[in-house]
PDB file of N, CA and C in Angstrom:
ATOM      1  N   UNK A   1      13.747  20.958  10.355  1.00  0.00           N
ATOM      2  CA  UNK A   1      14.431  20.446   9.191  1.00  0.00           C
ATOM      3  C   UNK A   1      13.642  20.833   7.939  1.00  0.00           C
ATOM      4  N   UNK A   2      13.472  22.114   7.775  1.00  0.00           N
ATOM      5  CA  UNK A   2      12.752  22.597   6.606  1.00  0.00           C
ATOM      6  C   UNK A   2      13.679  22.770   5.408  1.00  0.00           C
ATOM      7  N   UNK A   3      14.971  22.692   5.644  1.00  0.00           N
ATOM      8  CA  UNK A   3      15.930  22.850   4.555  1.00  0.00           C
ATOM      9  C   UNK A   3      16.993  21.760   4.638  1.00  0.00           C
ATOM     10  N   UNK A   4      17.420  21.326   3.499  1.00  0.00           N
ATOM     11  CA  UNK A   4      18.501  20.352   3.415  1.00  0.00           C
ATOM     12  C   UNK A   4      19.511  20.892   2.413  1.00  0.00           C
ATOM     13  N   UNK A   5      20.680  21.259   2.915  1.00  0.00           N
ATOM     14  CA  UNK A   5      21.741  21.850   2.097  1.00  0.00           C
ATOM     15  C   UNK A   5      21.279  23.115   1.378  1.00  0.00           C
ATOM     16  N   UNK A   6      20.495  23.937   2.067  1.00  0.00           N
ATOM     17  CA  UNK A   6      20.068  25.210   1.522  1.00  0.00           C
ATOM     18  C   UNK A   6      18.817  25.161   0.668  1.00  0.00           C
ATOM     19  N   UNK A   7      18.413  23.975   0.230  1.00  0.00           N
ATOM     20  CA  UNK A   7      17.223  23.841  -0.606  1.00  0.00           C
ATOM     21  C   UNK A   7      16.006  23.582   0.283  1.00  0.00           C
ATOM     22  N   UNK A   8      14.887  24.272   0.033  1.00  0.00           N
ATOM     23  CA  UNK A   8      13.679  24.000   0.823  1.00  0.00           C
ATOM     24  C   UNK A   8      13.123  22.619   0.486  1.00  0.00           C
ATOM     25  N   UNK A   9      12.703  21.898   1.519  1.00  0.00           N
ATOM     26  CA  UNK A   9      12.144  20.561   1.333  1.00  0.00           C
ATOM     27  C   UNK A   9      10.651  20.653   1.040  1.00  0.00           C
ATOM     28  N   UNK A  10      10.220  19.945   0.013  1.00  0.00           N
ATOM     29  CA  UNK A  10       8.805  19.869  -0.323  1.00  0.00           C
ATOM     30  C   UNK A  10       8.499  18.426  -0.679  1.00  0.00           C
ATOM     31  N   UNK A  11       7.544  17.837   0.045  1.00  0.00           N
ATOM     32  CA  UNK A  11       7.172  16.447  -0.176  1.00  0.00           C
ATOM     33  C   UNK A  11       5.719  16.364  -0.602  1.00  0.00           C
ATOM     34  N   UNK A  12       5.426  15.420  -1.471  1.00  0.00           N
ATOM     35  CA  UNK A  12       4.051  15.114  -1.834  1.00  0.00           C
ATOM     36  C   UNK A  12       3.448  14.285  -0.706  1.00  0.00           C
ATOM     37  N   UNK A  13       2.298  14.674  -0.205  1.00  0.00           N
ATOM     38  CA  UNK A  13       1.716  13.998   0.950  1.00  0.00           C
ATOM     39  C   UNK A  13       1.353  12.550   0.636  1.00  0.00           C
ATOM     40  N   UNK A  14       1.019  12.268  -0.615  1.00  0.00           N
ATOM     41  CA  UNK A  14       0.670  10.890  -0.975  1.00  0.00           C
ATOM     42  C   UNK A  14       1.906   9.986  -0.951  1.00  0.00           C
ATOM     43  N   UNK A  15       3.036  10.491  -1.400  1.00  0.00           N
ATOM     44  CA  UNK A  15       4.274   9.711  -1.375  1.00  0.00           C
ATOM     45  C   UNK A  15       4.699   9.449   0.060  1.00  0.00           C
ATOM     46  N   UNK A  16       4.577  10.438   0.910  1.00  0.00           N
ATOM     47  CA  UNK A  16       4.928  10.264   2.325  1.00  0.00           C
ATOM     48  C   UNK A  16       3.992   9.249   2.979  1.00  0.00           C
ATOM     49  N   UNK A  17       2.703   9.318   2.676  1.00  0.00           N
ATOM     50  CA  UNK A  17       1.739   8.374   3.243  1.00  0.00           C
ATOM     51  C   UNK A  17       2.021   6.945   2.800  1.00  0.00           C
ATOM     52  N   UNK A  18       2.287   6.737   1.513  1.00  0.00           N
ATOM     53  CA  UNK A  18       2.593   5.398   1.003  1.00  0.00           C
ATOM     54  C   UNK A  18       3.860   4.859   1.652  1.00  0.00           C
ATOM     55  N   UNK A  19       4.873   5.687   1.812  1.00  0.00           N
ATOM     56  CA  UNK A  19       6.128   5.251   2.423  1.00  0.00           C
ATOM     57  C   UNK A  19       5.927   4.828   3.873  1.00  0.00           C
ATOM     58  N   UNK A  20       5.202   5.619   4.627  1.00  0.00           N
ATOM     59  CA  UNK A  20       4.982   5.313   6.041  1.00  0.00           C
ATOM     60  C   UNK A  20       4.099   4.082   6.204  1.00  0.00           C
ATOM     61  N   UNK A  21       2.994   4.008   5.455  1.00  0.00           N
ATOM     62  CA  UNK A  21       2.073   2.868   5.583  1.00  0.00           C
ATOM     63  C   UNK A  21       2.750   1.571   5.158  1.00  0.00           C
ATOM     64  N   UNK A  22       3.477   1.596   4.048  1.00  0.00           N
ATOM     65  CA  UNK A  22       4.125   0.366   3.588  1.00  0.00           C
ATOM     66  C   UNK A  22       5.201  -0.097   4.555  1.00  0.00           C
ATOM     67  N   UNK A  23       5.950   0.835   5.126  1.00  0.00           N
ATOM     68  CA  UNK A  23       6.963   0.459   6.112  1.00  0.00           C
ATOM     69  C   UNK A  23       6.326  -0.143   7.357  1.00  0.00           C
ATOM     70  N   UNK A  24       5.254   0.454   7.833  1.00  0.00           N
ATOM     71  CA  UNK A  24       4.568  -0.076   9.011  1.00  0.00           C
ATOM     72  C   UNK A  24       3.962  -1.456   8.751  1.00  0.00           C
ATOM     73  N   UNK A  25       3.393  -1.660   7.561  1.00  0.00           N
ATOM     74  CA  UNK A  25       2.813  -2.970   7.237  1.00  0.00           C
ATOM     75  C   UNK A  25       3.887  -4.048   7.168  1.00  0.00           C
ATOM     76  N   UNK A  26       5.047  -3.727   6.612  1.00  0.00           N
ATOM     77  CA  UNK A  26       6.153  -4.685   6.575  1.00  0.00           C
ATOM     78  C   UNK A  26       6.645  -5.020   7.987  1.00  0.00           C
ATOM     79  N   UNK A  27       6.701  -4.024   8.854  1.00  0.00           N
ATOM     80  CA  UNK A  27       7.145  -4.267  10.232  1.00  0.00           C
ATOM     81  C   UNK A  27       6.132  -5.109  10.996  1.00  0.00           C
ATOM     82  N   UNK A  28       4.857  -4.846  10.800  1.00  0.00           N
ATOM     83  CA  UNK A  28       3.824  -5.648  11.468  1.00  0.00           C
ATOM     84  C   UNK A  28       3.903  -7.092  10.994  1.00  0.00           C
ATOM     85  N   UNK A  29       4.104  -7.295   9.703  1.00  0.00           N
ATOM     86  CA  UNK A  29       4.208  -8.653   9.168  1.00  0.00           C
ATOM     87  C   UNK A  29       5.427  -9.377   9.727  1.00  0.00           C
ATOM     88  N   UNK A  30       6.523  -8.678   9.881  1.00  0.00           N
ATOM     89  CA  UNK A  30       7.757  -9.314  10.339  1.00  0.00           C
ATOM     90  C   UNK A  30       7.740  -9.643  11.833  1.00  0.00           C
ATOM     91  N   UNK A  31       7.117  -8.797  12.637  1.00  0.00           N
ATOM     92  CA  UNK A  31       7.250  -8.943  14.085  1.00  0.00           C
ATOM     93  C   UNK A  31       5.985  -9.355  14.831  1.00  0.00           C
ATOM     94  N   UNK A  32       4.831  -9.277  14.197  1.00  0.00           N
ATOM     95  CA  UNK A  32       3.582  -9.557  14.905  1.00  0.00           C
ATOM     96  C   UNK A  32       2.698 -10.499  14.113  1.00  0.00           C
ATOM     97  N   UNK A  33       1.783 -11.141  14.824  1.00  0.00           N
ATOM     98  CA  UNK A  33       0.742 -11.965  14.202  1.00  0.00           C
ATOM     99  C   UNK A  33      -0.595 -11.372  14.598  1.00  0.00           C
ATOM    100  N   UNK A  34      -1.428 -11.132  13.604  1.00  0.00           N
ATOM    101  CA  UNK A  34      -2.749 -10.559  13.858  1.00  0.00           C
ATOM    102  C   UNK A  34      -3.770 -11.660  14.069  1.00  0.00           C
ATOM    103  N   UNK A  35      -3.696 -12.690  13.230  1.00  0.00           N
ATOM    104  CA  UNK A  35      -4.593 -13.834  13.346  1.00  0.00           C
ATOM    105  C   UNK A  35      -3.750 -15.098  13.504  1.00  0.00           C
ATOM    106  N   UNK A  36      -4.416 -16.216  13.581  1.00  0.00           N
ATOM    107  CA  UNK A  36      -3.697 -17.486  13.726  1.00  0.00           C
ATOM    108  C   UNK A  36      -3.072 -17.946  12.414  1.00  0.00           C
ATOM    109  N   UNK A  37      -3.544 -17.440  11.306  1.00  0.00           N
ATOM    110  CA  UNK A  37      -3.073 -17.866   9.994  1.00  0.00           C
ATOM    111  C   UNK A  37      -2.198 -16.787   9.354  1.00  0.00           C
ATOM    112  N   UNK A  38      -1.005 -17.174   8.926  1.00  0.00           N
ATOM    113  CA  UNK A  38      -0.105 -16.236   8.260  1.00  0.00           C
ATOM    114  C   UNK A  38      -0.672 -15.805   6.899  1.00  0.00           C
ATOM    115  N   UNK A  39      -1.387 -16.703   6.220  1.00  0.00           N
ATOM    116  CA  UNK A  39      -2.004 -16.368   4.928  1.00  0.00           C
ATOM    117  C   UNK A  39      -3.047 -15.279   5.116  1.00  0.00           C
ATOM    118  N   UNK A  40      -3.857 -15.397   6.140  1.00  0.00           N
ATOM    119  CA  UNK A  40      -4.878 -14.392   6.427  1.00  0.00           C
ATOM    120  C   UNK A  40      -4.229 -13.067   6.834  1.00  0.00           C
ATOM    121  N   UNK A  41      -3.168 -13.133   7.617  1.00  0.00           N
ATOM    122  CA  UNK A  41      -2.430 -11.924   7.996  1.00  0.00           C
ATOM    123  C   UNK A  41      -1.930 -11.182   6.771  1.00  0.00           C
ATOM    124  N   UNK A  42      -1.304 -11.897   5.864  1.00  0.00           N
ATOM    125  CA  UNK A  42      -0.719 -11.251   4.686  1.00  0.00           C
ATOM    126  C   UNK A  42      -1.789 -10.758   3.721  1.00  0.00           C
ATOM    127  N   UNK A  43      -2.915 -11.447   3.643  1.00  0.00           N
ATOM    128  CA  UNK A  43      -4.019 -10.953   2.820  1.00  0.00           C
ATOM    129  C   UNK A  43      -4.541  -9.632   3.381  1.00  0.00           C
ATOM    130  N   UNK A  44      -4.660  -9.575   4.679  1.00  0.00           N
ATOM    131  CA  UNK A  44      -5.109  -8.353   5.329  1.00  0.00           C
ATOM    132  C   UNK A  44      -4.082  -7.230   5.163  1.00  0.00           C
ATOM    133  N   UNK A  45      -2.811  -7.536   5.411  1.00  0.00           N
ATOM    134  CA  UNK A  45      -1.771  -6.513   5.392  1.00  0.00           C
ATOM    135  C   UNK A  45      -1.418  -6.026   3.988  1.00  0.00           C
ATOM    136  N   UNK A  46      -1.445  -6.909   3.006  1.00  0.00           N
ATOM    137  CA  UNK A  46      -0.965  -6.542   1.675  1.00  0.00           C
ATOM    138  C   UNK A  46      -2.062  -6.375   0.637  1.00  0.00           C
ATOM    139  N   UNK A  47      -3.315  -6.627   0.998  1.00  0.00           N
ATOM    140  CA  UNK A  47      -4.417  -6.422   0.066  1.00  0.00           C
ATOM    141  C   UNK A  47      -5.480  -5.502   0.656  1.00  0.00           C
ATOM    142  N   UNK A  48      -6.016  -5.871   1.798  1.00  0.00           N
ATOM    143  CA  UNK A  48      -7.156  -5.143   2.359  1.00  0.00           C
ATOM    144  C   UNK A  48      -6.756  -3.745   2.826  1.00  0.00           C
ATOM    145  N   UNK A  49      -5.701  -3.640   3.608  1.00  0.00           N
ATOM    146  CA  UNK A  49      -5.299  -2.328   4.137  1.00  0.00           C
ATOM    147  C   UNK A  49      -4.858  -1.379   3.017  1.00  0.00           C
ATOM    148  N   UNK A  50      -4.017  -1.818   2.055  1.00  0.00           N
ATOM    149  CA  UNK A  50      -3.700  -0.892   0.956  1.00  0.00           C
ATOM    150  C   UNK A  50      -4.930  -0.461   0.146  1.00  0.00           C
ATOM    151  N   UNK A  51      -5.878  -1.364  -0.067  1.00  0.00           N
ATOM    152  CA  UNK A  51      -7.107  -0.978  -0.760  1.00  0.00           C
ATOM    153  C   UNK A  51      -7.890   0.068   0.031  1.00  0.00           C
ATOM    154  N   UNK A  52      -7.960  -0.115   1.338  1.00  0.00           N
ATOM    155  CA  UNK A  52      -8.659   0.856   2.179  1.00  0.00           C
ATOM    156  C   UNK A  52      -7.962   2.210   2.171  1.00  0.00           C
ATOM    157  N   UNK A  53      -6.646   2.209   2.174  1.00  0.00           N
ATOM    158  CA  UNK A  53      -5.907   3.478   2.107  1.00  0.00           C
ATOM    159  C   UNK A  53      -6.189   4.178   0.782  1.00  0.00           C
ATOM    160  N   UNK A  54      -6.178   3.430  -0.307  1.00  0.00           N
ATOM    161  CA  UNK A  54      -6.455   4.023  -1.615  1.00  0.00           C
ATOM    162  C   UNK A  54      -7.868   4.582  -1.671  1.00  0.00           C
ATOM    163  N   UNK A  55      -8.824   3.832  -1.165  1.00  0.00           N
ATOM    164  CA  UNK A  55     -10.223   4.253  -1.243  1.00  0.00           C
ATOM    165  C   UNK A  55     -10.577   5.360  -0.254  1.00  0.00           C
ATOM    166  N   UNK A  56     -10.132   5.229   0.995  1.00  0.00           N
ATOM    167  CA  UNK A  56     -10.580   6.140   2.049  1.00  0.00           C
ATOM    168  C   UNK A  56      -9.678   7.340   2.278  1.00  0.00           C
ATOM    169  N   UNK A  57      -8.393   7.205   1.987  1.00  0.00           N
ATOM    170  CA  UNK A  57      -7.464   8.311   2.222  1.00  0.00           C
ATOM    171  C   UNK A  57      -7.197   9.080   0.930  1.00  0.00           C
ATOM    172  N   UNK A  58      -6.871   8.354  -0.142  1.00  0.00           N
ATOM    173  CA  UNK A  58      -6.525   9.012  -1.402  1.00  0.00           C
ATOM    174  C   UNK A  58      -7.752   9.346  -2.257  1.00  0.00           C
ATOM    175  N   UNK A  59      -8.867   8.675  -2.045  1.00  0.00           N
ATOM    176  CA  UNK A  59     -10.087   8.835  -2.828  1.00  0.00           C
ATOM    177  C   UNK A  59      -9.822   8.597  -4.306  1.00  0.00           C
ATOM    178  N   UNK A  60      -9.061   7.557  -4.630  1.00  0.00           N
ATOM    179  CA  UNK A  60      -8.728   7.206  -6.003  1.00  0.00           C
ATOM    180  C   UNK A  60      -9.327   5.858  -6.367  1.00  0.00           C
ATOM    181  N   UNK A  61      -9.280   5.565  -7.651  1.00  0.00           N
ATOM    182  CA  UNK A  61      -9.723   4.280  -8.170  1.00  0.00           C
ATOM    183  C   UNK A  61      -8.576   3.275  -8.013  1.00  0.00           C
ATOM    184  N   UNK A  62      -8.800   2.113  -7.401  1.00  0.00           N
ATOM    185  CA  UNK A  62      -7.724   1.127  -7.224  1.00  0.00           C
ATOM    186  C   UNK A  62      -7.123   0.629  -8.537  1.00  0.00           C
ATOM    187  N   UNK A  63      -7.847   0.732  -9.638  1.00  0.00           N
ATOM    188  CA  UNK A  63      -7.316   0.306 -10.941  1.00  0.00           C
ATOM    189  C   UNK A  63      -6.106   1.157 -11.321  1.00  0.00           C
ATOM    190  N   UNK A  64      -6.094   2.425 -10.909  1.00  0.00           N
ATOM    191  CA  UNK A  64      -4.960   3.300 -11.197  1.00  0.00           C
ATOM    192  C   UNK A  64      -3.688   2.848 -10.480  1.00  0.00           C
ATOM    193  N   UNK A  65      -3.825   2.015  -9.463  1.00  0.00           N
ATOM    194  CA  UNK A  65      -2.681   1.513  -8.702  1.00  0.00           C
ATOM    195  C   UNK A  65      -2.362   0.061  -9.031  1.00  0.00           C
ATOM    196  N   UNK A  66      -3.039  -0.490 -10.022  1.00  0.00           N
ATOM    197  CA  UNK A  66      -2.726  -1.840 -10.474  1.00  0.00           C
ATOM    198  C   UNK A  66      -3.601  -2.938  -9.905  1.00  0.00           C
ATOM    199  N   UNK A  67      -4.630  -2.599  -9.148  1.00  0.00           N
ATOM    200  CA  UNK A  67      -5.534  -3.612  -8.607  1.00  0.00           C
ATOM    201  C   UNK A  67      -6.559  -3.983  -9.669  1.00  0.00           C
ATOM    202  N   UNK A  68      -6.291  -5.048 -10.429  1.00  0.00           N
ATOM    203  CA  UNK A  68      -7.219  -5.543 -11.440  1.00  0.00           C
ATOM    204  C   UNK A  68      -7.219  -7.066 -11.403  1.00  0.00           C
ATOM    205  N   UNK A  69      -8.172  -7.651 -12.092  1.00  0.00           N
ATOM    206  CA  UNK A  69      -8.225  -9.102 -12.179  1.00  0.00           C
ATOM    207  C   UNK A  69      -7.286  -9.629 -13.249  1.00  0.00           C
ATOM    208  N   UNK A  70      -6.800  -8.774 -14.100  1.00  0.00           N
ATOM    209  CA  UNK A  70      -5.876  -9.203 -15.135  1.00  0.00           C
ATOM    210  C   UNK A  70      -6.588  -9.827 -16.318  1.00  0.00           C
ATOM    211  N   UNK A  71      -5.850 -10.594 -17.111  1.00  0.00           N
ATOM    212  CA  UNK A  71      -6.393 -11.249 -18.293  1.00  0.00           C
ATOM    213  C   UNK A  71      -6.926 -12.615 -17.862  1.00  0.00           C
ATOM    214  N   UNK A  72      -8.162 -12.636 -17.386  1.00  0.00           N
ATOM    215  CA  UNK A  72      -8.714 -13.865 -16.804  1.00  0.00           C
ATOM    216  C   UNK A  72      -9.376 -14.759 -17.833  1.00  0.00           C
ATOM    217  N   UNK A  73      -9.586 -14.271 -19.036  1.00  0.00           N
ATOM    218  CA  UNK A  73     -10.190 -15.090 -20.077  1.00  0.00           C
ATOM    219  C   UNK A  73      -9.151 -16.009 -20.681  1.00  0.00           C
ATOM    220  N   UNK A  74      -9.532 -17.233 -21.027  1.00  0.00           N
ATOM    221  CA  UNK A  74      -8.562 -18.134 -21.650  1.00  0.00           C
ATOM    222  C   UNK A  74      -8.166 -17.648 -23.039  1.00  0.00           C
ATOM    223  N   UNK A  75      -6.939 -17.899 -23.394  1.00  0.00           N
ATOM    224  CA  UNK A  75      -6.439 -17.459 -24.688  1.00  0.00           C
ATOM    225  C   UNK A  75      -7.082 -18.277 -25.801  1.00  0.00           C
ATOM    226  N   UNK A  76      -7.368 -17.622 -26.915  1.00  0.00           N
ATOM    227  CA  UNK A  76      -7.947 -18.320 -28.070  1.00  0.00           C
ATOM    228  C   UNK A  76      -6.843 -19.074 -28.794  1.00  0.00           C
ATOM    229  N   UNK A  77      -7.087 -20.330 -29.048  1.00  0.00           N
ATOM    230  CA  UNK A  77      -6.082 -21.130 -29.754  1.00  0.00           C
ATOM    231  C   UNK A  77      -6.505 -21.440 -31.159  1.00  0.00           C
TER     232      UNK A  77
END
């Protein structure tokens, strides 16, 4: 399946990786339990594993993907 309607298919490997990993993480969350706590499962599946993929597979800074502490300082009144 190198062609679809005559056009050659070209995919960015990072987009394909994000699509596959996110789909697998959603399926694991829906059908399996990793630990006894659902909170711990979701922290692992939706925070730790995506951070590891960004750091170890993509070799990027997690801040570029939105992983920040945000505006944690109290607003001046």
